[in-house]
């Protein structure tokens, strides 16, 4: 047995740092990918409750072990017809960063494909044309044999302003169900004509 070679170990560490894993899934006939570090789990598509006043691309909210999780339909977000629910439909639960906090969001997928390993050299820049997705939503394009998958920057897809609208509508919906009205405030509201 020879002594361990630190140069070889360093080479292996560099190689593993340059390779990242992505979960690929289908939505509206396109294959997308999200960094596996942003994915916490994949759940079966079951009951999704519609939230009045939420943007059209919010399919609704689902109950994930007692937590309210908004579910995004990427097809609608990207200007396409709403996704049809099939037996393969599922929700990819992701952690997105919003104002320094992690929020849990669900992404509706027609089906989940696979987990792929991509090195930095295997990720191509997104051309300024040819995709239905705004280029600022993309980190690049990953080669899958002869075709490509679009690698989403999920934090930008679910941007700060839009997340604020969603989280406010979900919180407001929860409050409206158990709000106690102060009679004096109610009278003042009607007196001012508001």
C-alpha atoms as a PDB file:
ATOM      1  CA  UNK A   1       0.000   0.000   0.000  1.00  0.00           C
ATOM      2  CA  UNK A   2       1.356   3.391  -0.923  1.00  0.00           C
ATOM      3  CA  UNK A   3       0.869   6.637   0.907  1.00  0.00           C
ATOM      4  CA  UNK A   4      -2.222   8.615  -0.079  1.00  0.00           C
ATOM      5  CA  UNK A   5      -1.527  11.159  -2.783  1.00  0.00           C
ATOM      6  CA  UNK A   6      -3.003  14.554  -1.798  1.00  0.00           C
ATOM      7  CA  UNK A   7      -2.777  15.734  -5.425  1.00  0.00           C
ATOM      8  CA  UNK A   8      -5.156  12.930  -6.540  1.00  0.00           C
ATOM      9  CA  UNK A   9      -7.614  13.692  -3.726  1.00  0.00           C
ATOM     10  CA  UNK A  10      -7.576  17.374  -4.650  1.00  0.00           C
ATOM     11  CA  UNK A  11      -8.271  16.507  -8.301  1.00  0.00           C
ATOM     12  CA  UNK A  12     -11.257  14.350  -7.271  1.00  0.00           C
ATOM     13  CA  UNK A  13     -12.626  17.148  -5.056  1.00  0.00           C
ATOM     14  CA  UNK A  14     -12.315  19.671  -7.886  1.00  0.00           C
ATOM     15  CA  UNK A  15     -14.114  17.319 -10.259  1.00  0.00           C
ATOM     16  CA  UNK A  16     -16.974  16.707  -7.830  1.00  0.00           C
ATOM     17  CA  UNK A  17     -17.302  20.467  -7.182  1.00  0.00           C
ATOM     18  CA  UNK A  18     -17.674  21.155 -10.927  1.00  0.00           C
ATOM     19  CA  UNK A  19     -20.494  18.630 -11.351  1.00  0.00           C
ATOM     20  CA  UNK A  20     -23.978  19.521 -10.173  1.00  0.00           C
ATOM     21  CA  UNK A  21     -27.128  17.409 -10.065  1.00  0.00           C
ATOM     22  CA  UNK A  22     -30.440  18.514 -11.556  1.00  0.00           C
ATOM     23  CA  UNK A  23     -33.931  17.048 -11.418  1.00  0.00           C
ATOM     24  CA  UNK A  24     -35.523  17.024 -14.865  1.00  0.00           C
ATOM     25  CA  UNK A  25     -39.276  17.117 -15.431  1.00  0.00           C
ATOM     26  CA  UNK A  26     -41.758  17.728 -18.228  1.00  0.00           C
ATOM     27  CA  UNK A  27     -44.160  20.652 -18.439  1.00  0.00           C
ATOM     28  CA  UNK A  28     -46.107  21.526 -21.610  1.00  0.00           C
ATOM     29  CA  UNK A  29     -43.958  19.205 -23.719  1.00  0.00           C
ATOM     30  CA  UNK A  30     -40.656  20.800 -22.685  1.00  0.00           C
ATOM     31  CA  UNK A  31     -38.040  19.301 -20.419  1.00  0.00           C
ATOM     32  CA  UNK A  32     -36.927  21.562 -17.571  1.00  0.00           C
ATOM     33  CA  UNK A  33     -34.368  21.076 -14.826  1.00  0.00           C
ATOM     34  CA  UNK A  34     -34.004  22.447 -11.301  1.00  0.00           C
ATOM     35  CA  UNK A  35     -30.861  22.158  -9.189  1.00  0.00           C
ATOM     36  CA  UNK A  36     -31.349  19.182  -6.885  1.00  0.00           C
ATOM     37  CA  UNK A  37     -30.277  21.320  -3.906  1.00  0.00           C
ATOM     38  CA  UNK A  38     -33.463  23.387  -4.424  1.00  0.00           C
ATOM     39  CA  UNK A  39     -35.709  20.286  -4.439  1.00  0.00           C
ATOM     40  CA  UNK A  40     -36.856  18.943  -1.084  1.00  0.00           C
ATOM     41  CA  UNK A  41     -39.235  16.235  -2.326  1.00  0.00           C
ATOM     42  CA  UNK A  42     -41.671  15.128  -5.008  1.00  0.00           C
ATOM     43  CA  UNK A  43     -45.272  14.473  -4.003  1.00  0.00           C
ATOM     44  CA  UNK A  44     -48.245  13.019  -5.805  1.00  0.00           C
ATOM     45  CA  UNK A  45     -50.697  15.576  -7.199  1.00  0.00           C
ATOM     46  CA  UNK A  46     -53.705  15.367  -4.908  1.00  0.00           C
ATOM     47  CA  UNK A  47     -55.961  18.078  -3.579  1.00  0.00           C
ATOM     48  CA  UNK A  48     -55.021  21.616  -4.564  1.00  0.00           C
ATOM     49  CA  UNK A  49     -57.278  24.357  -3.185  1.00  0.00           C
ATOM     50  CA  UNK A  50     -57.839  27.443  -5.350  1.00  0.00           C
ATOM     51  CA  UNK A  51     -57.015  30.771  -3.684  1.00  0.00           C
ATOM     52  CA  UNK A  52     -59.257  33.649  -4.846  1.00  0.00           C
ATOM     53  CA  UNK A  53     -57.301  36.649  -6.113  1.00  0.00           C
ATOM     54  CA  UNK A  54     -54.076  34.704  -6.669  1.00  0.00           C
ATOM     55  CA  UNK A  55     -52.296  35.124 -10.028  1.00  0.00           C
ATOM     56  CA  UNK A  56     -53.486  32.739 -12.782  1.00  0.00           C
ATOM     57  CA  UNK A  57     -50.181  30.830 -12.654  1.00  0.00           C
ATOM     58  CA  UNK A  58     -50.828  29.837  -9.041  1.00  0.00           C
ATOM     59  CA  UNK A  59     -52.805  26.620  -9.327  1.00  0.00           C
ATOM     60  CA  UNK A  60     -53.711  26.900  -5.636  1.00  0.00           C
ATOM     61  CA  UNK A  61     -52.319  25.629  -2.364  1.00  0.00           C
ATOM     62  CA  UNK A  62     -51.754  22.134  -1.070  1.00  0.00           C
ATOM     63  CA  UNK A  63     -51.440  20.743   2.427  1.00  0.00           C
ATOM     64  CA  UNK A  64     -47.952  19.338   2.970  1.00  0.00           C
ATOM     65  CA  UNK A  65     -48.029  17.720   6.406  1.00  0.00           C
ATOM     66  CA  UNK A  66     -49.947  20.651   7.877  1.00  0.00           C
ATOM     67  CA  UNK A  67     -48.092  23.409   5.968  1.00  0.00           C
ATOM     68  CA  UNK A  68     -49.754  25.553   3.299  1.00  0.00           C
ATOM     69  CA  UNK A  69     -47.685  25.302   0.107  1.00  0.00           C
ATOM     70  CA  UNK A  70     -48.519  27.387  -3.006  1.00  0.00           C
ATOM     71  CA  UNK A  71     -48.459  25.337  -6.241  1.00  0.00           C
ATOM     72  CA  UNK A  72     -47.196  27.046  -9.418  1.00  0.00           C
ATOM     73  CA  UNK A  73     -48.263  25.948 -12.912  1.00  0.00           C
ATOM     74  CA  UNK A  74     -45.158  26.782 -14.977  1.00  0.00           C
ATOM     75  CA  UNK A  75     -47.077  26.354 -18.238  1.00  0.00           C
ATOM     76  CA  UNK A  76     -49.367  29.280 -17.338  1.00  0.00           C
ATOM     77  CA  UNK A  77     -46.406  31.238 -15.930  1.00  0.00           C
ATOM     78  CA  UNK A  78     -44.704  30.886 -19.330  1.00  0.00           C
ATOM     79  CA  UNK A  79     -47.823  31.974 -21.269  1.00  0.00           C
ATOM     80  CA  UNK A  80     -49.061  28.517 -22.308  1.00  0.00           C
ATOM     81  CA  UNK A  81     -52.373  26.731 -21.669  1.00  0.00           C
ATOM     82  CA  UNK A  82     -52.790  25.331 -18.135  1.00  0.00           C
ATOM     83  CA  UNK A  83     -51.332  21.874 -17.498  1.00  0.00           C
ATOM     84  CA  UNK A  84     -53.725  18.947 -17.707  1.00  0.00           C
ATOM     85  CA  UNK A  85     -53.737  16.704 -14.668  1.00  0.00           C
ATOM     86  CA  UNK A  86     -52.928  13.060 -15.449  1.00  0.00           C
ATOM     87  CA  UNK A  87     -51.915  10.038 -13.414  1.00  0.00           C
ATOM     88  CA  UNK A  88     -48.271  11.116 -13.916  1.00  0.00           C
ATOM     89  CA  UNK A  89     -48.794  14.681 -12.633  1.00  0.00           C
ATOM     90  CA  UNK A  90     -46.848  15.517  -9.492  1.00  0.00           C
ATOM     91  CA  UNK A  91     -45.674  18.476  -7.445  1.00  0.00           C
ATOM     92  CA  UNK A  92     -41.964  19.190  -7.108  1.00  0.00           C
ATOM     93  CA  UNK A  93     -41.528  20.791  -3.681  1.00  0.00           C
ATOM     94  CA  UNK A  94     -38.808  23.437  -3.881  1.00  0.00           C
ATOM     95  CA  UNK A  95     -37.110  25.799  -1.477  1.00  0.00           C
ATOM     96  CA  UNK A  96     -36.837  29.304  -2.904  1.00  0.00           C
ATOM     97  CA  UNK A  97     -35.034  32.249  -1.365  1.00  0.00           C
ATOM     98  CA  UNK A  98     -37.139  35.347  -0.712  1.00  0.00           C
ATOM     99  CA  UNK A  99     -35.723  38.339   1.206  1.00  0.00           C
ATOM    100  CA  UNK A 100     -33.097  36.093   2.777  1.00  0.00           C
ATOM    101  CA  UNK A 101     -35.671  33.515   3.933  1.00  0.00           C
ATOM    102  CA  UNK A 102     -36.390  30.097   2.486  1.00  0.00           C
ATOM    103  CA  UNK A 103     -39.965  29.594   1.350  1.00  0.00           C
ATOM    104  CA  UNK A 104     -41.489  26.305   0.299  1.00  0.00           C
ATOM    105  CA  UNK A 105     -43.227  26.331  -3.092  1.00  0.00           C
ATOM    106  CA  UNK A 106     -44.613  23.546  -5.246  1.00  0.00           C
ATOM    107  CA  UNK A 107     -44.060  23.333  -8.999  1.00  0.00           C
ATOM    108  CA  UNK A 108     -46.639  21.355 -10.958  1.00  0.00           C
ATOM    109  CA  UNK A 109     -44.963  18.880 -13.319  1.00  0.00           C
ATOM    110  CA  UNK A 110     -46.591  16.727 -16.007  1.00  0.00           C
ATOM    111  CA  UNK A 111     -44.076  14.048 -15.015  1.00  0.00           C
ATOM    112  CA  UNK A 112     -40.639  13.754 -13.442  1.00  0.00           C
ATOM    113  CA  UNK A 113     -37.935  12.380 -15.726  1.00  0.00           C
ATOM    114  CA  UNK A 114     -34.607  11.780 -14.003  1.00  0.00           C
ATOM    115  CA  UNK A 115     -31.723  13.196 -11.987  1.00  0.00           C
ATOM    116  CA  UNK A 116     -28.814  14.181 -14.200  1.00  0.00           C
ATOM    117  CA  UNK A 117     -25.219  15.192 -13.505  1.00  0.00           C
ATOM    118  CA  UNK A 118     -23.923  18.166 -15.475  1.00  0.00           C
ATOM    119  CA  UNK A 119     -20.504  19.759 -15.336  1.00  0.00           C
ATOM    120  CA  UNK A 120     -20.116  23.488 -15.963  1.00  0.00           C
ATOM    121  CA  UNK A 121     -18.801  22.740 -19.513  1.00  0.00           C
ATOM    122  CA  UNK A 122     -21.972  20.761 -20.332  1.00  0.00           C
ATOM    123  CA  UNK A 123     -24.212  23.758 -19.636  1.00  0.00           C
ATOM    124  CA  UNK A 124     -24.668  25.977 -22.684  1.00  0.00           C
ATOM    125  CA  UNK A 125     -25.663  29.620 -22.562  1.00  0.00           C
ATOM    126  CA  UNK A 126     -29.284  30.257 -23.396  1.00  0.00           C
ATOM    127  CA  UNK A 127     -29.730  31.754 -26.863  1.00  0.00           C
ATOM    128  CA  UNK A 128     -31.699  35.025 -26.899  1.00  0.00           C
ATOM    129  CA  UNK A 129     -34.361  33.331 -29.050  1.00  0.00           C
ATOM    130  CA  UNK A 130     -36.123  30.012 -29.478  1.00  0.00           C
ATOM    131  CA  UNK A 131     -37.494  29.417 -25.967  1.00  0.00           C
ATOM    132  CA  UNK A 132     -40.887  30.290 -24.524  1.00  0.00           C
ATOM    133  CA  UNK A 133     -39.225  31.109 -21.212  1.00  0.00           C
ATOM    134  CA  UNK A 134     -37.753  34.528 -20.427  1.00  0.00           C
ATOM    135  CA  UNK A 135     -33.991  34.135 -20.585  1.00  0.00           C
ATOM    136  CA  UNK A 136     -33.589  35.725 -17.127  1.00  0.00           C
ATOM    137  CA  UNK A 137     -35.437  32.684 -15.737  1.00  0.00           C
ATOM    138  CA  UNK A 138     -32.761  30.350 -17.114  1.00  0.00           C
ATOM    139  CA  UNK A 139     -29.317  29.381 -15.860  1.00  0.00           C
ATOM    140  CA  UNK A 140     -28.575  27.712 -19.192  1.00  0.00           C
ATOM    141  CA  UNK A 141     -29.324  24.651 -21.254  1.00  0.00           C
ATOM    142  CA  UNK A 142     -28.118  21.169 -20.359  1.00  0.00           C
ATOM    143  CA  UNK A 143     -27.390  18.577 -23.012  1.00  0.00           C
ATOM    144  CA  UNK A 144     -29.525  15.418 -22.793  1.00  0.00           C
ATOM    145  CA  UNK A 145     -28.198  13.344 -25.652  1.00  0.00           C
ATOM    146  CA  UNK A 146     -29.303  15.115 -28.842  1.00  0.00           C
ATOM    147  CA  UNK A 147     -31.728  17.470 -27.124  1.00  0.00           C
ATOM    148  CA  UNK A 148     -31.498  20.059 -24.355  1.00  0.00           C
ATOM    149  CA  UNK A 149     -33.314  20.706 -21.108  1.00  0.00           C
ATOM    150  CA  UNK A 150     -33.861  24.243 -19.889  1.00  0.00           C
ATOM    151  CA  UNK A 151     -32.193  24.758 -16.503  1.00  0.00           C
ATOM    152  CA  UNK A 152     -34.413  27.045 -14.427  1.00  0.00           C
ATOM    153  CA  UNK A 153     -33.215  29.596 -11.915  1.00  0.00           C
ATOM    154  CA  UNK A 154     -36.157  28.782  -9.654  1.00  0.00           C
ATOM    155  CA  UNK A 155     -35.519  31.816  -7.408  1.00  0.00           C
ATOM    156  CA  UNK A 156     -36.008  34.106 -10.432  1.00  0.00           C
ATOM    157  CA  UNK A 157     -38.917  32.130 -11.890  1.00  0.00           C
ATOM    158  CA  UNK A 158     -40.699  32.728  -8.605  1.00  0.00           C
ATOM    159  CA  UNK A 159     -39.445  36.304  -8.324  1.00  0.00           C
ATOM    160  CA  UNK A 160     -39.646  38.450  -5.214  1.00  0.00           C
ATOM    161  CA  UNK A 161     -42.588  40.664  -6.280  1.00  0.00           C
ATOM    162  CA  UNK A 162     -44.626  37.699  -7.424  1.00  0.00           C
ATOM    163  CA  UNK A 163     -43.809  35.744  -4.272  1.00  0.00           C
ATOM    164  CA  UNK A 164     -44.965  38.688  -2.176  1.00  0.00           C
ATOM    165  CA  UNK A 165     -48.331  38.690  -3.996  1.00  0.00           C
ATOM    166  CA  UNK A 166     -48.684  34.944  -3.458  1.00  0.00           C
ATOM    167  CA  UNK A 167     -47.664  34.894   0.191  1.00  0.00           C
ATOM    168  CA  UNK A 168     -49.902  37.888   0.961  1.00  0.00           C
ATOM    169  CA  UNK A 169     -52.915  36.279  -0.737  1.00  0.00           C
ATOM    170  CA  UNK A 170     -52.338  33.003   1.134  1.00  0.00           C
ATOM    171  CA  UNK A 171     -51.920  34.840   4.469  1.00  0.00           C
ATOM    172  CA  UNK A 172     -54.968  37.057   3.774  1.00  0.00           C
ATOM    173  CA  UNK A 173     -57.051  34.002   2.931  1.00  0.00           C
ATOM    174  CA  UNK A 174     -56.068  32.453   6.272  1.00  0.00           C
ATOM    175  CA  UNK A 175     -56.845  35.667   8.159  1.00  0.00           C
ATOM    176  CA  UNK A 176     -60.227  36.214   6.482  1.00  0.00           C
ATOM    177  CA  UNK A 177     -61.425  32.932   7.903  1.00  0.00           C
ATOM    178  CA  UNK A 178     -60.770  33.932  11.518  1.00  0.00           C
ATOM    179  CA  UNK A 179     -60.851  37.743  11.571  1.00  0.00           C
ATOM    180  CA  UNK A 180     -62.631  39.423  14.482  1.00  0.00           C
ATOM    181  CA  UNK A 181     -64.140  42.716  13.407  1.00  0.00           C
ATOM    182  CA  UNK A 182     -63.859  45.684  15.775  1.00  0.00           C
ATOM    183  CA  UNK A 183     -67.337  47.350  15.648  1.00  0.00           C
ATOM    184  CA  UNK A 184     -65.870  50.872  16.137  1.00  0.00           C
ATOM    185  CA  UNK A 185     -63.400  50.395  13.292  1.00  0.00           C
ATOM    186  CA  UNK A 186     -66.236  49.076  11.116  1.00  0.00           C
ATOM    187  CA  UNK A 187     -68.372  52.208  11.855  1.00  0.00           C
ATOM    188  CA  UNK A 188     -65.432  54.525  11.035  1.00  0.00           C
ATOM    189  CA  UNK A 189     -64.863  52.619   7.801  1.00  0.00           C
ATOM    190  CA  UNK A 190     -68.460  53.232   6.656  1.00  0.00           C
ATOM    191  CA  UNK A 191     -68.509  56.860   7.878  1.00  0.00           C
ATOM    192  CA  UNK A 192     -65.511  57.782   5.733  1.00  0.00           C
ATOM    193  CA  UNK A 193     -67.081  56.104   2.723  1.00  0.00           C
ATOM    194  CA  UNK A 194     -64.150  53.735   2.330  1.00  0.00           C
END
